[in-house]
C-alpha atoms as a PDB file:
ATOM      1  CA  MET A   1      16.412   3.248  24.490  1.00  0.00           C
ATOM      2  CA  VAL A   2      15.346   4.903  21.281  1.00  0.00           C
ATOM      3  CA  SER A   3      14.505   2.644  18.361  1.00  0.00           C
ATOM      4  CA  PRO A   4      14.975   3.570  14.693  1.00  0.00           C
ATOM      5  CA  LYS A   5      11.983   4.617  12.637  1.00  0.00           C
ATOM      6  CA  LYS A   6      10.395   2.170  10.211  1.00  0.00           C
ATOM      7  CA  LEU A   7       9.852   3.232   6.624  1.00  0.00           C
ATOM      8  CA  GLY A   8       6.471   2.813   4.960  1.00  0.00           C
ATOM      9  CA  THR A   9       3.320   1.382   6.476  1.00  0.00           C
ATOM     10  CA  LYS A  10       2.808  -1.552   8.773  1.00  0.00           C
ATOM     11  CA  TYR A  11       2.172  -3.743   5.715  1.00  0.00           C
ATOM     12  CA  SER A  12       5.191  -2.611   3.654  1.00  0.00           C
ATOM     13  CA  PRO A  13       7.157  -5.779   4.563  1.00  0.00           C
ATOM     14  CA  LEU A  14       4.292  -7.837   3.111  1.00  0.00           C
ATOM     15  CA  SER A  15       4.558  -5.827  -0.122  1.00  0.00           C
ATOM     16  CA  ARG A  16       8.286  -6.511  -0.323  1.00  0.00           C
ATOM     17  CA  TYR A  17       7.722 -10.211   0.402  1.00  0.00           C
ATOM     18  CA  LEU A  18       5.103 -10.555  -2.364  1.00  0.00           C
ATOM     19  CA  LEU A  19       7.310  -8.613  -4.769  1.00  0.00           C
ATOM     20  CA  ARG A  20      10.186 -11.064  -4.200  1.00  0.00           C
ATOM     21  CA  ARG A  21       7.803 -14.021  -4.363  1.00  0.00           C
ATOM     22  CA  ALA A  22       6.548 -12.837  -7.782  1.00  0.00           C
ATOM     23  CA  GLN A  23       9.898 -13.810  -9.318  1.00  0.00           C
ATOM     24  CA  PHE A  24       9.201 -17.470  -8.568  1.00  0.00           C
ATOM     25  CA  THR A  25       5.443 -18.088  -8.532  1.00  0.00           C
ATOM     26  CA  ASP A  26       2.024 -16.674  -9.378  1.00  0.00           C
ATOM     27  CA  ARG A  27       0.295 -18.044  -6.270  1.00  0.00           C
ATOM     28  CA  ALA A  28       1.083 -17.759  -2.557  1.00  0.00           C
ATOM     29  CA  VAL A  29      -0.802 -19.398   0.299  1.00  0.00           C
ATOM     30  CA  LEU A  30       0.195 -17.727   3.559  1.00  0.00           C
ATOM     31  CA  PRO A  31      -0.992 -18.643   7.053  1.00  0.00           C
ATOM     32  CA  PHE A  32      -1.930 -15.729   9.304  1.00  0.00           C
ATOM     33  CA  ALA A  33       1.003 -16.589  11.582  1.00  0.00           C
ATOM     34  CA  GLU A  34       3.464 -16.251   8.696  1.00  0.00           C
ATOM     35  CA  ILE A  35       1.964 -12.894   7.687  1.00  0.00           C
ATOM     36  CA  GLU A  36       2.353 -11.722  11.291  1.00  0.00           C
ATOM     37  CA  GLY A  37       5.981 -12.804  11.155  1.00  0.00           C
ATOM     38  CA  ILE A  38       6.527 -10.951   7.878  1.00  0.00           C
ATOM     39  CA  ILE A  39       5.005  -7.671   9.085  1.00  0.00           C
ATOM     40  CA  GLY A  40       6.572  -8.039  12.531  1.00  0.00           C
ATOM     41  CA  ASP A  41       3.296  -7.352  14.341  1.00  0.00           C
ATOM     42  CA  ASN A  42      -0.022  -9.002  15.103  1.00  0.00           C
ATOM     43  CA  LEU A  43      -2.822  -8.808  12.568  1.00  0.00           C
ATOM     44  CA  PRO A  44      -5.806  -6.778  13.756  1.00  0.00           C
ATOM     45  CA  PHE A  45      -8.787  -8.570  15.255  1.00  0.00           C
ATOM     46  CA  GLY A  46     -10.883  -7.814  12.128  1.00  0.00           C
ATOM     47  CA  ALA A  47      -8.422  -9.695   9.896  1.00  0.00           C
ATOM     48  CA  ILE A  48      -8.842 -12.886  11.907  1.00  0.00           C
ATOM     49  CA  ARG A  49     -12.639 -12.665  12.326  1.00  0.00           C
ATOM     50  CA  ASP A  50     -13.866 -11.026   9.114  1.00  0.00           C
ATOM     51  CA  ALA A  51     -13.076 -11.941   5.501  1.00  0.00           C
ATOM     52  CA  GLU A  52     -14.118  -8.436   4.400  1.00  0.00           C
ATOM     53  CA  TRP A  53     -10.860  -7.112   5.860  1.00  0.00           C
ATOM     54  CA  TRP A  54      -8.986  -8.877   3.039  1.00  0.00           C
ATOM     55  CA  THR A  55     -10.880  -7.161   0.176  1.00  0.00           C
ATOM     56  CA  ASN A  56      -8.942  -6.025  -2.894  1.00  0.00           C
ATOM     57  CA  THR A  57      -9.436  -2.275  -2.549  1.00  0.00           C
ATOM     58  CA  ARG A  58      -6.951   0.558  -2.422  1.00  0.00           C
ATOM     59  CA  GLY A  59      -8.988   2.265   0.294  1.00  0.00           C
ATOM     60  CA  SER A  60      -7.085   0.465   3.035  1.00  0.00           C
ATOM     61  CA  ALA A  61      -3.393   0.261   3.896  1.00  0.00           C
ATOM     62  CA  GLN A  62      -3.407  -3.529   3.754  1.00  0.00           C
ATOM     63  CA  GLY A  63      -5.180  -3.555   0.357  1.00  0.00           C
ATOM     64  CA  ARG A  64      -2.620  -1.174  -1.120  1.00  0.00           C
ATOM     65  CA  ALA A  65       0.141  -3.447   0.201  1.00  0.00           C
ATOM     66  CA  TRP A  66      -0.671  -6.266  -2.227  1.00  0.00           C
ATOM     67  CA  ILE A  67      -2.459  -4.379  -5.022  1.00  0.00           C
ATOM     68  CA  ASP A  68       0.431  -1.941  -5.596  1.00  0.00           C
ATOM     69  CA  VAL A  69       2.837  -4.828  -6.219  1.00  0.00           C
ATOM     70  CA  GLY A  70       0.474  -6.667  -8.598  1.00  0.00           C
ATOM     71  CA  TRP A  71      -1.175  -9.263  -6.330  1.00  0.00           C
ATOM     72  CA  ARG A  72      -4.761  -9.786  -5.200  1.00  0.00           C
ATOM     73  CA  VAL A  73      -6.501 -11.953  -2.621  1.00  0.00           C
ATOM     74  CA  GLN A  74      -8.199 -14.939  -4.198  1.00  0.00           C
ATOM     75  CA  GLU A  75      -9.440 -16.751  -1.110  1.00  0.00           C
ATOM     76  CA  VAL A  76      -9.521 -16.288   2.655  1.00  0.00           C
ATOM     77  CA  ASP A  77     -10.027 -19.353   4.857  1.00  0.00           C
ATOM     78  CA  LEU A  78     -10.835 -18.164   8.380  1.00  0.00           C
ATOM     79  CA  ASN A  79     -11.081 -21.744   9.717  1.00  0.00           C
ATOM     80  CA  GLN A  80      -7.626 -22.759   8.453  1.00  0.00           C
ATOM     81  CA  ARG A  81      -6.364 -19.194   9.059  1.00  0.00           C
ATOM     82  CA  THR A  82      -4.818 -18.873   5.589  1.00  0.00           C
ATOM     83  CA  VAL A  83      -4.927 -16.360   2.745  1.00  0.00           C
ATOM     84  CA  THR A  84      -4.358 -17.213  -0.918  1.00  0.00           C
ATOM     85  CA  PHE A  85      -2.759 -14.457  -2.994  1.00  0.00           C
ATOM     86  CA  ILE A  86      -2.525 -14.680  -6.793  1.00  0.00           C
ATOM     87  CA  ARG A  87      -0.744 -12.494  -9.288  1.00  0.00           C
ATOM     88  CA  ALA A  88      -3.176 -10.079 -10.877  1.00  0.00           C
ATOM     89  CA  ALA A  89      -3.245  -9.734 -14.646  1.00  0.00           C
ATOM     90  CA  GLU A  90      -1.900  -6.427 -15.971  1.00  0.00           C
ATOM     91  CA  SER A  91      -5.381  -5.370 -17.094  1.00  0.00           C
ATOM     92  CA  GLU A  92      -6.774  -5.944 -13.590  1.00  0.00           C
ATOM     93  CA  VAL A  93      -4.054  -3.871 -11.972  1.00  0.00           C
ATOM     94  CA  LYS A  94      -4.680  -0.957 -14.323  1.00  0.00           C
ATOM     95  CA  THR A  95      -8.466  -0.987 -13.864  1.00  0.00           C
ATOM     96  CA  GLU A  96      -8.218  -0.994 -10.071  1.00  0.00           C
ATOM     97  CA  LYS A  97      -6.281   2.279  -9.931  1.00  0.00           C
ATOM     98  CA  ARG A  98      -7.903   5.336  -8.431  1.00  0.00           C
ATOM     99  CA  PRO A  99     -10.021   7.396 -10.810  1.00  0.00           C
ATOM    100  CA  LYS A 100      -8.322  10.535 -12.097  1.00  0.00           C
ATOM    101  CA  LYS A 101      -9.615  13.913 -11.036  1.00  0.00           C
ATOM    102  CA  SER A 102     -11.690  15.653 -13.653  1.00  0.00           C
ATOM    103  CA  ALA A 103      -9.879  18.369 -15.575  1.00  0.00           C
ATOM    104  CA  PRO A 104     -10.672  21.849 -14.276  1.00  0.00           C
ATOM    105  CA  SER A 105     -12.600  24.157 -16.556  1.00  0.00           C
ATOM    106  CA  THR A 106     -10.750  26.924 -18.364  1.00  0.00           C
ATOM    107  CA  LEU A 107     -12.296  29.538 -16.057  1.00  0.00           C
ATOM    108  CA  ALA A 108     -11.098  27.747 -12.936  1.00  0.00           C
ATOM    109  CA  LYS A 109      -7.522  27.310 -14.121  1.00  0.00           C
ATOM    110  CA  LYS A 110      -4.942  29.083 -12.014  1.00  0.00           C
ATOM    111  CA  LYS A 111      -2.079  31.086 -13.358  1.00  0.00           C
ATOM    112  CA  PHE A 112       1.219  29.301 -13.736  1.00  0.00           C
ATOM    113  CA  ARG A 113       3.689  30.083 -11.002  1.00  0.00           C
ATOM    114  CA  PRO A 114       7.262  28.898 -11.227  1.00  0.00           C
ATOM    115  CA  SER A 115       8.196  26.705  -8.316  1.00  0.00           C
ATOM    116  CA  ARG A 116      10.554  28.087  -5.736  1.00  0.00           C
ATOM    117  CA  PRO A 117      13.553  26.057  -4.682  1.00  0.00           C
ATOM    118  CA  LYS A 118      12.881  24.296  -1.410  1.00  0.00           C
ATOM    119  CA  ARG A 119      14.526  25.789   1.614  1.00  0.00           C
ATOM    120  CA  ARG A 120      16.572  23.421   3.704  1.00  0.00           C
ATOM    121  CA  VAL A 121      15.083  23.294   7.178  1.00  0.00           C
ATOM    122  CA  PRO A 122      17.476  22.550  10.024  1.00  0.00           C
ATOM    123  CA  PRO A 123      16.543  19.533  12.155  1.00  0.00           C
ATOM    124  CA  SER A 124      14.521  20.183  15.283  1.00  0.00           C
ATOM    125  CA  LYS A 125      15.971  19.843  18.774  1.00  0.00           C
ATOM    126  CA  THR A 126      13.890  16.703  19.292  1.00  0.00           C
ATOM    127  CA  LYS A 127      15.345  15.020  16.220  1.00  0.00           C
ATOM    128  CA  ILE A 128      18.861  15.935  17.302  1.00  0.00           C
ATOM    129  CA  ALA A 129      18.240  14.583  20.809  1.00  0.00           C
ATOM    130  CA  LYS A 130      16.876  11.305  19.417  1.00  0.00           C
ATOM    131  CA  ALA A 131      19.871  10.901  17.107  1.00  0.00           C
ATOM    132  CA  GLN A 132      22.254  11.542  19.998  1.00  0.00           C
ATOM    133  CA  ALA A 133      20.387   8.990  22.134  1.00  0.00           C
ATOM    134  CA  ARG A 134      20.692   6.397  19.361  1.00  0.00           C
ATOM    135  CA  LEU A 135      24.444   7.056  19.118  1.00  0.00           C
ATOM    136  CA  LYS A 136      24.833   6.669  22.884  1.00  0.00           C
ATOM    137  CA  ASN A 137      22.922   3.374  22.750  1.00  0.00           C
ATOM    138  CA  VAL A 138      25.257   2.083  20.039  1.00  0.00           C
ATOM    139  CA  GLU A 139      28.315   3.173  22.019  1.00  0.00           C
ATOM    140  CA  ARG A 140      26.981   1.464  25.163  1.00  0.00           C
ATOM    141  CA  GLU A 141      26.385  -1.772  23.271  1.00  0.00           C
ATOM    142  CA  ARG A 142      29.903  -1.698  21.818  1.00  0.00           C
ATOM    143  CA  ALA A 143      31.447  -0.993  25.223  1.00  0.00           C
ATOM    144  CA  ALA A 144      29.439  -3.805  26.868  1.00  0.00           C
ATOM    145  CA  VAL A 145      30.778  -6.443  24.487  1.00  0.00           C
ATOM    146  CA  GLN A 146      34.072  -7.877  25.757  1.00  0.00           C
ATOM    147  CA  ARG A 147      36.588  -8.598  23.075  1.00  0.00           C
ATOM    148  CA  PHE A 148      39.237 -11.254  23.446  1.00  0.00           C
ATOM    149  CA  LYS A 149      42.061 -11.804  21.028  1.00  0.00           C
ATOM    150  CA  GLY A 150      42.827 -15.378  20.079  1.00  0.00           C
ATOM    151  CA  LYS A 151      41.079 -18.405  21.494  1.00  0.00           C
ATOM    152  CA  PHE A 152      41.480 -17.391  25.129  1.00  0.00           C
ATOM    153  CA  LYS A 153      38.480 -17.129  27.376  1.00  0.00           C
ATOM    154  CA  PRO A 154      38.428 -15.170  30.606  1.00  0.00           C
ATOM    155  CA  ARG A 155      39.028 -17.242  33.691  1.00  0.00           C
ATOM    156  CA  PRO A 156      36.105 -17.646  36.060  1.00  0.00           C
ATOM    157  CA  ALA A 157      36.294 -15.948  39.459  1.00  0.00           C
ATOM    158  CA  LEU A 158      36.799 -19.278  41.250  1.00  0.00           C
ATOM    159  CA  GLU A 159      39.873 -20.056  39.171  1.00  0.00           C
ATOM    160  CA  LYS A 160      41.258 -16.604  39.830  1.00  0.00           C
ATOM    161  CA  ARG A 161      40.955 -17.156  43.573  1.00  0.00           C
ATOM    162  CA  LEU A 162      42.440 -20.669  43.505  1.00  0.00           C
ATOM    163  CA  PHE A 163      45.386 -20.005  41.215  1.00  0.00           C
ATOM    164  CA  LYS A 164      46.946 -16.613  41.780  1.00  0.00           C
ATOM    165  CA  PRO A 165      49.946 -16.354  39.453  1.00  0.00           C
ATOM    166  CA  GLU A 166      51.324 -13.303  41.226  1.00  0.00           C
ATOM    167  CA  ALA A 167      51.443 -15.041  44.614  1.00  0.00           C
ATOM    168  CA  GLU A 168      54.709 -16.735  45.498  1.00  0.00           C
ATOM    169  CA  PRO A 169      54.556 -20.454  46.203  1.00  0.00           C
ATOM    170  CA  SER A 170      54.753 -21.342  49.839  1.00  0.00           C
ATOM    171  CA  LYS A 171      58.004 -22.887  51.081  1.00  0.00           C
ATOM    172  CA  SER A 172      57.094 -25.936  53.070  1.00  0.00           C
END
């Protein structure tokens, strides 16, 4: 079977969770098990053994997951296996952004070129094959599900053998 692609990074579901949580509270204490449930995967070994993994830097995918939505890690308790997230103040979020590139000198500036419209690229044969496989999987699942109208259930095989409605009753 072919599974659909996931959008974003492994930690994108955590970002969405913290974004929704921000509407109700400024503090979230999450056990590692709950975070694993949110992201739908196990945390790496470094997250469970090393508090440095939970640093508030944009250099890592997990750090960007909570910093980009306005949260930061306040405390990591490796013994209790919990992480405490708090809402970052607006000034903290702005100062933690990546530094801007320095402006190029006037000599190094390139000439302005108008952008060309992007050409639409047809999908590759692999993408088409995957899409067709997904459609077949959906069709198979639909065909496998038996549908019964009303409240009737199918009779078990034993009942079918015992009571055959098409057979004529014996004359004894």
